[in-house]
C-alpha atoms as a PDB file:
ATOM      1  CA  MET A   1     -11.531  13.319 -11.415  1.00  0.00           C
ATOM      2  CA  ASN A   2     -10.058  14.453 -14.772  1.00  0.00           C
ATOM      3  CA  HIS A   3     -11.790  14.116 -18.175  1.00  0.00           C
ATOM      4  CA  SER A   4      -9.882  11.002 -19.252  1.00  0.00           C
ATOM      5  CA  GLN A   5     -10.781   9.236 -15.948  1.00  0.00           C
ATOM      6  CA  TRP A   6     -14.379  10.137 -16.409  1.00  0.00           C
ATOM      7  CA  LYS A   7     -14.345   8.708 -20.070  1.00  0.00           C
ATOM      8  CA  THR A   8     -12.770   5.488 -18.742  1.00  0.00           C
ATOM      9  CA  ARG A   9     -15.366   5.169 -15.940  1.00  0.00           C
ATOM     10  CA  ARG A  10     -18.133   5.952 -18.403  1.00  0.00           C
ATOM     11  CA  THR A  11     -16.963   3.354 -20.861  1.00  0.00           C
ATOM     12  CA  ARG A  12     -16.659   0.603 -18.147  1.00  0.00           C
ATOM     13  CA  LYS A  13     -20.092   1.519 -16.741  1.00  0.00           C
ATOM     14  CA  LEU A  14     -21.712   1.245 -20.240  1.00  0.00           C
ATOM     15  CA  SER A  15     -20.045  -1.987 -20.957  1.00  0.00           C
ATOM     16  CA  GLY A  16     -21.254  -3.400 -17.553  1.00  0.00           C
ATOM     17  CA  ASP A  17     -17.729  -3.564 -15.968  1.00  0.00           C
ATOM     18  CA  SER A  18     -17.408  -2.244 -12.483  1.00  0.00           C
ATOM     19  CA  ILE A  19     -14.118  -0.437 -11.872  1.00  0.00           C
ATOM     20  CA  GLU A  20     -14.611  -1.144  -8.023  1.00  0.00           C
ATOM     21  CA  GLU A  21     -14.608  -4.913  -8.757  1.00  0.00           C
ATOM     22  CA  SER A  22     -11.692  -5.064 -11.139  1.00  0.00           C
ATOM     23  CA  PRO A  23      -8.558  -7.011  -9.863  1.00  0.00           C
ATOM     24  CA  ALA A  24      -6.324  -4.029 -10.443  1.00  0.00           C
ATOM     25  CA  TYR A  25      -8.686  -1.657  -8.479  1.00  0.00           C
ATOM     26  CA  VAL A  26      -8.832  -4.239  -5.527  1.00  0.00           C
ATOM     27  CA  GLU A  27      -5.018  -4.703  -5.535  1.00  0.00           C
ATOM     28  CA  ALA A  28      -4.368  -1.008  -5.556  1.00  0.00           C
ATOM     29  CA  GLY A  29      -6.775  -0.643  -2.585  1.00  0.00           C
ATOM     30  CA  TYR A  30      -4.688  -3.232  -0.685  1.00  0.00           C
ATOM     31  CA  ALA A  31      -1.452  -1.386  -1.494  1.00  0.00           C
ATOM     32  CA  PHE A  32      -2.884   1.935  -0.261  1.00  0.00           C
ATOM     33  CA  ALA A  33      -4.335   0.328   2.860  1.00  0.00           C
ATOM     34  CA  LEU A  34      -0.961  -1.230   3.729  1.00  0.00           C
ATOM     35  CA  GLY A  35       0.878   2.037   3.004  1.00  0.00           C
ATOM     36  CA  GLN A  36      -1.438   3.876   5.352  1.00  0.00           C
ATOM     37  CA  ALA A  37      -1.021   1.289   8.099  1.00  0.00           C
ATOM     38  CA  VAL A  38       2.808   1.445   7.781  1.00  0.00           C
ATOM     39  CA  HIS A  39       2.788   5.291   7.893  1.00  0.00           C
ATOM     40  CA  ASP A  40       0.376   5.414  10.826  1.00  0.00           C
ATOM     41  CA  ARG A  41       2.476   2.944  12.897  1.00  0.00           C
ATOM     42  CA  ARG A  42       5.824   4.635  11.917  1.00  0.00           C
ATOM     43  CA  THR A  43       4.520   8.067  13.070  1.00  0.00           C
ATOM     44  CA  GLU A  44       3.028   6.554  16.077  1.00  0.00           C
ATOM     45  CA  LEU A  45       6.500   5.300  17.022  1.00  0.00           C
ATOM     46  CA  GLY A  46       8.033   8.667  16.095  1.00  0.00           C
ATOM     47  CA  LEU A  47      10.173   7.180  13.440  1.00  0.00           C
ATOM     48  CA  SER A  48      11.422   8.882  10.257  1.00  0.00           C
ATOM     49  CA  GLN A  49      11.282   6.858   7.028  1.00  0.00           C
ATOM     50  CA  THR A  50      15.057   6.690   7.160  1.00  0.00           C
ATOM     51  CA  GLU A  51      15.067   5.176  10.655  1.00  0.00           C
ATOM     52  CA  LEU A  52      12.409   2.702   9.791  1.00  0.00           C
ATOM     53  CA  ALA A  53      14.362   1.705   6.654  1.00  0.00           C
ATOM     54  CA  ARG A  54      17.534   1.189   8.640  1.00  0.00           C
ATOM     55  CA  ARG A  55      15.629  -1.000  11.247  1.00  0.00           C
ATOM     56  CA  ALA A  56      14.074  -3.137   8.541  1.00  0.00           C
ATOM     57  CA  GLY A  57      17.233  -3.384   6.297  1.00  0.00           C
ATOM     58  CA  MET A  58      15.654  -1.303   3.546  1.00  0.00           C
ATOM     59  CA  THR A  59      16.172   2.056   1.908  1.00  0.00           C
ATOM     60  CA  GLN A  60      14.191   5.228   2.535  1.00  0.00           C
ATOM     61  CA  PRO A  61      12.823   5.273  -1.008  1.00  0.00           C
ATOM     62  CA  GLN A  62      11.520   1.753  -0.543  1.00  0.00           C
ATOM     63  CA  ILE A  63       9.606   2.888   2.608  1.00  0.00           C
ATOM     64  CA  SER A  64       8.289   5.943   0.680  1.00  0.00           C
ATOM     65  CA  ASN A  65       7.037   3.728  -2.157  1.00  0.00           C
ATOM     66  CA  ILE A  66       5.193   1.364   0.276  1.00  0.00           C
ATOM     67  CA  GLU A  67       3.691   4.289   2.266  1.00  0.00           C
ATOM     68  CA  GLY A  68       2.547   5.884  -0.995  1.00  0.00           C
ATOM     69  CA  GLY A  69       0.822   2.630  -2.253  1.00  0.00           C
ATOM     70  CA  ASP A  70       3.256   2.519  -5.180  1.00  0.00           C
ATOM     71  CA  SER A  71       4.795  -0.790  -4.081  1.00  0.00           C
ATOM     72  CA  VAL A  72       3.561  -4.158  -2.807  1.00  0.00           C
ATOM     73  CA  PRO A  73       6.286  -5.801  -0.701  1.00  0.00           C
ATOM     74  CA  THR A  74       7.104  -9.455  -0.670  1.00  0.00           C
ATOM     75  CA  LEU A  75       6.184 -11.578   2.363  1.00  0.00           C
ATOM     76  CA  PRO A  76       9.823 -11.698   3.643  1.00  0.00           C
ATOM     77  CA  LEU A  77      10.039  -7.888   3.391  1.00  0.00           C
ATOM     78  CA  LEU A  78       6.616  -7.513   5.159  1.00  0.00           C
ATOM     79  CA  THR A  79       8.070  -9.765   7.823  1.00  0.00           C
ATOM     80  CA  ARG A  80      11.146  -7.532   8.364  1.00  0.00           C
ATOM     81  CA  LEU A  81       8.938  -4.375   8.170  1.00  0.00           C
ATOM     82  CA  THR A  82       6.618  -5.790  10.832  1.00  0.00           C
ATOM     83  CA  LYS A  83       9.418  -6.517  13.197  1.00  0.00           C
ATOM     84  CA  ALA A  84      10.917  -3.056  12.656  1.00  0.00           C
ATOM     85  CA  LEU A  85       7.575  -1.488  13.467  1.00  0.00           C
ATOM     86  CA  ASP A  86       7.144  -3.785  16.540  1.00  0.00           C
ATOM     87  CA  ALA A  87       3.743  -4.826  15.068  1.00  0.00           C
ATOM     88  CA  SER A  88       2.005  -8.058  14.099  1.00  0.00           C
ATOM     89  CA  LEU A  89       1.090  -9.270  10.585  1.00  0.00           C
ATOM     90  CA  THR A  90      -2.187 -10.901   9.884  1.00  0.00           C
ATOM     91  CA  ILE A  91      -3.122 -12.137   6.361  1.00  0.00           C
ATOM     92  CA  ASP A  92      -6.927 -12.355   6.014  1.00  0.00           C
ATOM     93  CA  ARG A  93      -8.331 -14.119   2.953  1.00  0.00           C
ATOM     94  CA  ARG A  94     -11.514 -12.452   1.970  1.00  0.00           C
END
């Protein structure tokens, strides 16, 4: 953790805000979890990012962004990605 991150956390802690409960923090967690799941399944199938992109009608940079948690795909894109990974998609409201 760098100094500016520490100052931000300290300020939020003192003001009573919890970074772990902020909507942005929760959303980022979902993006990272999705990216990890895509990466794990892709490597399990022995696919490159380029091959997965071709199967899903996407570009390799799009796959990279999803796997890195930098992008949250739309539901239609998730559906294509799921088919390309021969996987199932479950949306669980928590």
